Amino acid sequence: MTQPRRFARVRPTGLMAKTARILTDPKATLIDCTVIDYSAGGACLEVGGQVTLPKRFELLYGPTRKKCRVVWTSGRRIGVAF
C-alpha cells in the first residue's frame, strides 16, 4: 500500500540505502526504519510496529549520522527535519 508524497523532495544522486536505524538514546537498542524520501533538509521515514519515538533523535543512514526533529506523523510514517 503506497501513499502519495506530502511534499516534493529532491533526491540526491547515486545509490541510496533504503534501510536506516534510529538511535533514541546511547544505551537504547537501535530501531529499524525504511527511508521513503530523503533531501538535504529532512526525510520521510516509515517505522514498523508500535514504536514511540521522542521528538528528537539521531538517524543512522549509511555513512551519515543526522540529528533529527519530528515535524509530522501520519500512522507509521514520520517526517523529520535535519
C-alpha atoms as a PDB file:
ATOM      1  CA  MET A   1       0.000   0.000   0.000  1.00  0.00           C
ATOM      2  CA  THR A   2       1.768   3.134  -1.196  1.00  0.00           C
ATOM      3  CA  GLN A   3       0.736   6.603  -0.203  1.00  0.00           C
ATOM      4  CA  PRO A   4       1.363   9.750  -2.231  1.00  0.00           C
ATOM      5  CA  ARG A   5       4.141  12.031  -1.058  1.00  0.00           C
ATOM      6  CA  ARG A   6       3.121  15.018   1.017  1.00  0.00           C
ATOM      7  CA  PHE A   7       5.957  17.211  -0.238  1.00  0.00           C
ATOM      8  CA  ALA A   8       8.115  17.096  -3.333  1.00  0.00           C
ATOM      9  CA  ARG A   9      11.653  16.074  -2.361  1.00  0.00           C
ATOM     10  CA  VAL A  10      14.864  16.348  -4.303  1.00  0.00           C
ATOM     11  CA  ARG A  11      16.663  13.027  -4.246  1.00  0.00           C
ATOM     12  CA  PRO A  12      20.450  13.007  -4.052  1.00  0.00           C
ATOM     13  CA  THR A  13      22.275  11.369  -6.934  1.00  0.00           C
ATOM     14  CA  GLY A  14      23.790   7.932  -6.591  1.00  0.00           C
ATOM     15  CA  LEU A  15      22.641   4.775  -4.866  1.00  0.00           C
ATOM     16  CA  MET A  16      20.776   5.165  -1.606  1.00  0.00           C
ATOM     17  CA  ALA A  17      20.196   2.517   1.013  1.00  0.00           C
ATOM     18  CA  LYS A  18      16.512   2.124   1.832  1.00  0.00           C
ATOM     19  CA  THR A  19      17.045   0.993   5.397  1.00  0.00           C
ATOM     20  CA  ALA A  20      18.183   3.164   8.270  1.00  0.00           C
ATOM     21  CA  ARG A  21      18.324   2.982  12.045  1.00  0.00           C
ATOM     22  CA  ILE A  22      17.047   5.328  14.722  1.00  0.00           C
ATOM     23  CA  LEU A  23      19.087   5.987  17.828  1.00  0.00           C
ATOM     24  CA  THR A  24      16.964   7.455  20.622  1.00  0.00           C
ATOM     25  CA  ASP A  25      19.426   7.037  23.488  1.00  0.00           C
ATOM     26  CA  PRO A  26      23.066   5.856  23.598  1.00  0.00           C
ATOM     27  CA  LYS A  27      22.067   2.921  25.829  1.00  0.00           C
ATOM     28  CA  ALA A  28      18.863   2.025  23.950  1.00  0.00           C
ATOM     29  CA  THR A  29      18.592  -0.524  21.166  1.00  0.00           C
ATOM     30  CA  LEU A  30      18.528   0.704  17.579  1.00  0.00           C
ATOM     31  CA  ILE A  31      15.143   0.913  15.831  1.00  0.00           C
ATOM     32  CA  ASP A  32      14.993  -0.199  12.188  1.00  0.00           C
ATOM     33  CA  CYS A  33      13.126   2.005   9.718  1.00  0.00           C
ATOM     34  CA  THR A  34      12.669   2.490   5.980  1.00  0.00           C
ATOM     35  CA  VAL A  35      13.577   5.740   4.237  1.00  0.00           C
ATOM     36  CA  ILE A  36      10.739   6.801   1.921  1.00  0.00           C
ATOM     37  CA  ASP A  37      12.047  10.254   0.934  1.00  0.00           C
ATOM     38  CA  TYR A  38      15.333  11.982   1.666  1.00  0.00           C
ATOM     39  CA  SER A  39      16.532  15.513   0.967  1.00  0.00           C
ATOM     40  CA  ALA A  40      19.098  17.941   2.340  1.00  0.00           C
ATOM     41  CA  GLY A  41      16.603  19.384   4.834  1.00  0.00           C
ATOM     42  CA  GLY A  42      14.712  16.303   6.015  1.00  0.00           C
ATOM     43  CA  ALA A  43      13.296  12.873   5.342  1.00  0.00           C
ATOM     44  CA  CYS A  44      10.174  10.744   5.460  1.00  0.00           C
ATOM     45  CA  LEU A  45      10.634   7.547   7.469  1.00  0.00           C
ATOM     46  CA  GLU A  46       8.423   4.513   7.938  1.00  0.00           C
ATOM     47  CA  VAL A  47       8.723   2.669  11.246  1.00  0.00           C
ATOM     48  CA  GLY A  48       7.347  -0.829  11.731  1.00  0.00           C
ATOM     49  CA  GLY A  49       5.339  -1.878  14.760  1.00  0.00           C
ATOM     50  CA  GLN A  50       4.137   0.178  17.694  1.00  0.00           C
ATOM     51  CA  VAL A  51       7.188   2.335  18.358  1.00  0.00           C
ATOM     52  CA  THR A  52       7.003   5.542  20.355  1.00  0.00           C
ATOM     53  CA  LEU A  53       9.724   7.967  19.312  1.00  0.00           C
ATOM     54  CA  PRO A  54      10.872  11.092  21.136  1.00  0.00           C
ATOM     55  CA  LYS A  55      10.677  14.492  19.405  1.00  0.00           C
ATOM     56  CA  ARG A  56      14.455  14.463  18.797  1.00  0.00           C
ATOM     57  CA  PHE A  57      16.690  11.519  17.860  1.00  0.00           C
ATOM     58  CA  GLU A  58      19.595  10.548  15.606  1.00  0.00           C
ATOM     59  CA  LEU A  59      19.193   8.843  12.235  1.00  0.00           C
ATOM     60  CA  LEU A  60      21.922   6.441  11.109  1.00  0.00           C
ATOM     61  CA  TYR A  61      21.621   6.311   7.318  1.00  0.00           C
ATOM     62  CA  GLY A  62      24.522   4.647   5.532  1.00  0.00           C
ATOM     63  CA  PRO A  63      27.705   6.513   6.493  1.00  0.00           C
ATOM     64  CA  THR A  64      25.805   9.589   7.712  1.00  0.00           C
ATOM     65  CA  ARG A  65      24.522  10.362  11.180  1.00  0.00           C
ATOM     66  CA  LYS A  66      21.885  13.125  11.318  1.00  0.00           C
ATOM     67  CA  LYS A  67      20.269  14.789  14.322  1.00  0.00           C
ATOM     68  CA  CYS A  68      16.525  14.839  13.590  1.00  0.00           C
ATOM     69  CA  ARG A  69      13.467  16.666  14.851  1.00  0.00           C
ATOM     70  CA  VAL A  70       9.992  15.198  14.255  1.00  0.00           C
ATOM     71  CA  VAL A  71       7.881  17.566  12.142  1.00  0.00           C
ATOM     72  CA  TRP A  72       4.810  15.447  11.411  1.00  0.00           C
ATOM     73  CA  THR A  73       3.444  11.928  11.885  1.00  0.00           C
ATOM     74  CA  SER A  74       0.856  10.004   9.923  1.00  0.00           C
ATOM     75  CA  GLY A  75       0.315   6.423  11.024  1.00  0.00           C
ATOM     76  CA  ARG A  76       3.633   4.600  10.701  1.00  0.00           C
ATOM     77  CA  ARG A  77       5.236   7.437   8.686  1.00  0.00           C
ATOM     78  CA  ILE A  78       7.255  10.175  10.302  1.00  0.00           C
ATOM     79  CA  GLY A  79       8.524  13.402   8.741  1.00  0.00           C
ATOM     80  CA  VAL A  80      11.777  14.707  10.183  1.00  0.00           C
ATOM     81  CA  ALA A  81      13.882  17.821   9.690  1.00  0.00           C
ATOM     82  CA  PHE A  82      17.665  17.817   9.981  1.00  0.00           C
END
